[in-house]
N, C-alpha and C. Protein backbone atom coordinates (compact mmCIF):
# COMPACT_ATOMS: atom_id res chain seq x y z
N MET A 1 219.48 16.74 26.64
CA MET A 1 218.04 16.88 26.52
C MET A 1 217.38 15.69 27.20
N ALA A 2 216.43 15.94 28.06
CA ALA A 2 215.74 14.88 28.79
C ALA A 2 214.71 14.20 27.90
N ARG A 3 214.67 12.89 27.99
CA ARG A 3 213.72 12.10 27.22
C ARG A 3 212.40 12.05 27.97
N SER A 4 211.32 12.29 27.28
CA SER A 4 210.01 12.24 27.91
C SER A 4 209.47 10.82 27.83
N ASP A 5 209.04 10.28 28.97
CA ASP A 5 208.47 8.94 28.99
C ASP A 5 207.04 8.93 28.49
N ASN A 6 206.45 10.09 28.31
CA ASN A 6 205.06 10.17 27.88
C ASN A 6 204.93 10.74 26.48
N TRP A 7 205.95 10.57 25.64
CA TRP A 7 205.91 11.18 24.33
C TRP A 7 204.76 10.65 23.50
N SER A 8 204.41 9.36 23.63
CA SER A 8 203.33 8.82 22.81
C SER A 8 201.99 9.43 23.20
N GLN A 9 201.81 9.73 24.49
CA GLN A 9 200.58 10.39 24.93
C GLN A 9 200.52 11.80 24.35
N LYS A 10 201.65 12.49 24.33
CA LYS A 10 201.69 13.84 23.78
C LYS A 10 201.39 13.81 22.28
N VAL A 11 201.93 12.80 21.59
CA VAL A 11 201.65 12.66 20.16
C VAL A 11 200.16 12.45 19.95
N THR A 12 199.57 11.57 20.75
CA THR A 12 198.14 11.27 20.62
C THR A 12 197.29 12.51 20.86
N GLU A 13 197.69 13.33 21.82
CA GLU A 13 196.90 14.50 22.19
C GLU A 13 197.09 15.69 21.26
N SER A 14 198.29 15.84 20.68
CA SER A 14 198.58 17.07 19.96
C SER A 14 198.75 16.90 18.46
N SER A 15 198.78 15.70 17.96
CA SER A 15 198.97 15.50 16.53
C SER A 15 197.64 15.59 15.80
N ASP A 16 197.66 15.32 14.53
CA ASP A 16 196.41 15.26 13.77
C ASP A 16 195.77 13.90 13.99
N ALA A 17 195.71 13.53 15.22
CA ALA A 17 195.12 12.26 15.62
C ALA A 17 193.65 12.48 15.93
N LEU A 18 193.04 11.48 16.49
CA LEU A 18 191.63 11.56 16.82
C LEU A 18 191.43 12.03 18.25
N ASP A 19 190.29 12.63 18.51
CA ASP A 19 189.89 12.95 19.87
C ASP A 19 189.19 11.70 20.40
N LEU A 20 189.89 10.96 21.24
CA LEU A 20 189.39 9.67 21.70
C LEU A 20 188.58 9.79 22.98
N GLU A 21 187.62 8.90 23.11
CA GLU A 21 186.87 8.78 24.36
C GLU A 21 187.84 8.36 25.45
N SER A 22 187.73 8.97 26.60
CA SER A 22 188.61 8.63 27.72
C SER A 22 188.47 7.15 28.08
N GLY A 23 189.58 6.45 28.19
CA GLY A 23 189.58 5.04 28.60
C GLY A 23 189.15 4.07 27.53
N VAL A 24 189.10 4.51 26.28
CA VAL A 24 188.61 3.65 25.21
C VAL A 24 189.37 2.33 25.11
N PHE A 25 190.68 2.36 25.32
CA PHE A 25 191.47 1.14 25.15
C PHE A 25 191.37 0.20 26.34
N SER A 26 190.73 0.64 27.41
CA SER A 26 190.55 -0.25 28.55
C SER A 26 189.12 -0.77 28.67
N LEU A 27 188.29 -0.48 27.68
CA LEU A 27 186.94 -1.05 27.68
C LEU A 27 187.05 -2.58 27.58
N GLU A 28 186.08 -3.27 28.14
CA GLU A 28 186.12 -4.74 28.17
C GLU A 28 185.68 -5.40 26.87
N ASP A 29 184.76 -4.77 26.16
CA ASP A 29 184.17 -5.37 24.96
C ASP A 29 184.88 -4.84 23.70
N PRO A 30 185.50 -5.73 22.90
CA PRO A 30 186.18 -5.29 21.69
C PRO A 30 185.27 -4.50 20.74
N LYS A 31 183.98 -4.87 20.69
CA LYS A 31 183.06 -4.15 19.82
C LYS A 31 182.84 -2.73 20.31
N GLU A 32 182.79 -2.53 21.63
CA GLU A 32 182.66 -1.17 22.18
C GLU A 32 183.89 -0.32 21.85
N ILE A 33 185.06 -0.94 21.93
CA ILE A 33 186.30 -0.24 21.57
C ILE A 33 186.21 0.21 20.11
N ALA A 34 185.83 -0.73 19.24
CA ALA A 34 185.74 -0.43 17.81
C ALA A 34 184.69 0.64 17.52
N MET A 35 183.55 0.56 18.17
CA MET A 35 182.49 1.55 17.94
C MET A 35 182.93 2.94 18.39
N SER A 36 183.65 3.01 19.51
CA SER A 36 184.15 4.29 19.99
C SER A 36 185.18 4.88 19.02
N LEU A 37 186.10 4.04 18.54
CA LEU A 37 187.10 4.51 17.59
C LEU A 37 186.45 4.97 16.29
N LYS A 38 185.46 4.23 15.84
CA LYS A 38 184.75 4.58 14.60
C LYS A 38 184.08 5.94 14.76
N LYS A 39 183.39 6.14 15.87
CA LYS A 39 182.72 7.42 16.12
C LYS A 39 183.74 8.56 16.17
N SER A 40 184.84 8.35 16.89
CA SER A 40 185.88 9.38 16.97
C SER A 40 186.43 9.72 15.59
N ALA A 41 186.67 8.70 14.78
CA ALA A 41 187.23 8.92 13.45
C ALA A 41 186.24 9.65 12.55
N GLU A 42 184.98 9.26 12.62
CA GLU A 42 183.98 9.91 11.76
C GLU A 42 183.69 11.35 12.20
N ASP A 43 183.81 11.63 13.49
CA ASP A 43 183.54 12.97 14.01
C ASP A 43 184.74 13.91 13.92
N SER A 44 185.92 13.37 13.66
CA SER A 44 187.14 14.17 13.70
C SER A 44 187.24 15.15 12.53
N ASN A 45 187.68 16.35 12.86
CA ASN A 45 187.99 17.35 11.84
C ASN A 45 189.49 17.46 11.64
N ARG A 46 190.26 16.69 12.40
CA ARG A 46 191.73 16.79 12.35
C ARG A 46 192.37 15.65 11.58
N ARG A 47 191.64 14.59 11.31
CA ARG A 47 192.26 13.43 10.66
C ARG A 47 192.62 13.78 9.22
N LYS A 48 193.67 13.12 8.73
CA LYS A 48 194.14 13.40 7.38
C LYS A 48 193.82 12.27 6.40
N SER A 49 193.36 11.13 6.91
CA SER A 49 192.98 10.04 6.01
C SER A 49 191.54 9.65 6.30
N ASP A 50 191.05 8.63 5.60
CA ASP A 50 189.66 8.24 5.77
C ASP A 50 189.42 7.71 7.20
N PRO A 51 188.17 7.71 7.66
CA PRO A 51 187.88 7.32 9.04
C PRO A 51 188.37 5.92 9.41
N TYR A 52 188.21 4.96 8.52
CA TYR A 52 188.66 3.60 8.83
C TYR A 52 190.16 3.58 9.09
N ARG A 53 190.89 4.16 8.20
CA ARG A 53 192.35 4.16 8.32
C ARG A 53 192.81 4.89 9.58
N SER A 54 192.17 6.00 9.88
CA SER A 54 192.52 6.76 11.09
C SER A 54 192.25 5.96 12.35
N ALA A 55 191.09 5.32 12.41
CA ALA A 55 190.72 4.52 13.59
C ALA A 55 191.67 3.34 13.75
N MET A 56 191.95 2.64 12.67
CA MET A 56 192.84 1.47 12.74
C MET A 56 194.26 1.91 13.11
N SER A 57 194.69 3.04 12.61
CA SER A 57 196.03 3.55 12.94
C SER A 57 196.16 3.85 14.43
N MET A 58 195.13 4.46 15.01
CA MET A 58 195.18 4.77 16.44
C MET A 58 195.22 3.50 17.28
N LEU A 59 194.45 2.51 16.88
CA LEU A 59 194.43 1.24 17.61
C LEU A 59 195.79 0.54 17.50
N THR A 60 196.34 0.50 16.32
CA THR A 60 197.65 -0.13 16.10
C THR A 60 198.74 0.64 16.85
N PHE A 61 198.68 1.96 16.81
CA PHE A 61 199.64 2.80 17.52
C PHE A 61 199.62 2.46 19.02
N TYR A 62 198.43 2.38 19.58
CA TYR A 62 198.30 2.08 21.01
C TYR A 62 198.89 0.70 21.33
N ILE A 63 198.54 -0.30 20.54
CA ILE A 63 199.05 -1.66 20.78
C ILE A 63 200.57 -1.67 20.70
N ASN A 64 201.12 -1.03 19.69
CA ASN A 64 202.57 -1.02 19.52
C ASN A 64 203.28 -0.26 20.64
N ARG A 65 202.73 0.87 21.06
CA ARG A 65 203.38 1.65 22.11
C ARG A 65 203.27 0.98 23.47
N ALA A 66 202.16 0.30 23.73
CA ALA A 66 202.00 -0.37 25.02
C ALA A 66 202.91 -1.59 25.10
N GLY A 67 203.13 -2.25 23.99
CA GLY A 67 204.07 -3.36 23.90
C GLY A 67 203.93 -4.39 24.99
N LYS A 68 205.02 -4.63 25.66
CA LYS A 68 205.09 -5.67 26.68
C LYS A 68 204.29 -5.33 27.93
N GLN A 69 203.87 -4.09 28.05
CA GLN A 69 203.07 -3.71 29.21
C GLN A 69 201.63 -4.23 29.12
N LEU A 70 201.22 -4.63 27.92
CA LEU A 70 199.88 -5.21 27.75
C LEU A 70 199.88 -6.66 28.21
N SER A 71 198.87 -7.04 28.96
CA SER A 71 198.72 -8.45 29.31
C SER A 71 198.25 -9.19 28.05
N ALA A 72 198.37 -10.49 28.05
CA ALA A 72 197.91 -11.28 26.91
C ALA A 72 196.42 -11.06 26.69
N GLU A 73 195.67 -10.96 27.78
CA GLU A 73 194.22 -10.74 27.69
C GLU A 73 193.91 -9.39 27.04
N GLN A 74 194.63 -8.35 27.46
CA GLN A 74 194.42 -7.02 26.90
C GLN A 74 194.77 -6.99 25.42
N LYS A 75 195.89 -7.61 25.08
CA LYS A 75 196.31 -7.63 23.68
C LYS A 75 195.29 -8.38 22.82
N ASP A 76 194.81 -9.52 23.32
CA ASP A 76 193.80 -10.29 22.58
C ASP A 76 192.54 -9.44 22.37
N ARG A 77 192.13 -8.71 23.40
CA ARG A 77 190.94 -7.87 23.31
C ARG A 77 191.14 -6.76 22.27
N LEU A 78 192.31 -6.15 22.26
CA LEU A 78 192.58 -5.09 21.30
C LEU A 78 192.72 -5.63 19.88
N GLU A 79 193.29 -6.81 19.73
CA GLU A 79 193.37 -7.44 18.41
C GLU A 79 191.96 -7.79 17.92
N ALA A 80 191.09 -8.24 18.83
CA ALA A 80 189.71 -8.52 18.47
C ALA A 80 188.99 -7.24 18.07
N ALA A 81 189.36 -6.13 18.69
CA ALA A 81 188.78 -4.83 18.33
C ALA A 81 189.12 -4.46 16.89
N LYS A 82 190.30 -4.87 16.42
CA LYS A 82 190.67 -4.63 15.02
C LYS A 82 189.68 -5.34 14.10
N ASP A 83 189.36 -6.59 14.42
CA ASP A 83 188.39 -7.34 13.61
C ASP A 83 187.02 -6.68 13.65
N GLU A 84 186.62 -6.21 14.83
CA GLU A 84 185.33 -5.52 14.96
C GLU A 84 185.32 -4.22 14.15
N LEU A 85 186.45 -3.52 14.16
CA LEU A 85 186.56 -2.28 13.39
C LEU A 85 186.43 -2.56 11.89
N ARG A 86 187.09 -3.62 11.44
CA ARG A 86 186.97 -4.01 10.03
C ARG A 86 185.51 -4.29 9.68
N ALA A 87 184.83 -5.02 10.55
CA ALA A 87 183.42 -5.36 10.31
C ALA A 87 182.55 -4.11 10.28
N LEU A 88 182.76 -3.19 11.21
CA LEU A 88 181.96 -1.97 11.27
C LEU A 88 182.12 -1.11 10.01
N PHE A 89 183.31 -1.15 9.42
CA PHE A 89 183.56 -0.37 8.21
C PHE A 89 183.37 -1.20 6.93
N GLY A 90 182.95 -2.45 7.09
CA GLY A 90 182.71 -3.29 5.91
C GLY A 90 183.97 -3.70 5.19
N LYS A 91 185.06 -3.81 5.91
CA LYS A 91 186.35 -4.20 5.33
C LYS A 91 186.57 -5.69 5.60
N THR A 92 187.32 -6.31 4.75
CA THR A 92 187.69 -7.71 4.98
C THR A 92 189.18 -7.79 5.19
N ARG A 93 189.57 -8.75 5.98
CA ARG A 93 190.99 -8.93 6.27
C ARG A 93 191.62 -9.67 5.11
N LYS A 94 192.74 -9.17 4.64
CA LYS A 94 193.45 -9.81 3.54
C LYS A 94 194.36 -10.90 4.09
N ASN A 95 194.30 -12.05 3.49
CA ASN A 95 195.18 -13.15 3.90
C ASN A 95 196.54 -12.98 3.24
N PRO A 96 197.62 -13.26 3.98
CA PRO A 96 198.96 -13.08 3.41
C PRO A 96 199.26 -14.09 2.33
């Protein structure tokens, strides 16, 4: 059986994931990324958990799947988007 190199894209497109704005993860402003994810999560009829959790899961999924292919700058921007997402949903980060 041949392994698909695009399995994560297929999961994103066909699962009970969010319908994301095209290019959302390559936006320059972390707040714009977070606002787009929030809108997608709130508008989704396919998500199975609350909007915050769905949006954060998609962002984390993308960061984890991109892995070493992300530049340090891109990863920092996406990590900052997590903080922006928390702020938009009124969540606070728990300290370990």
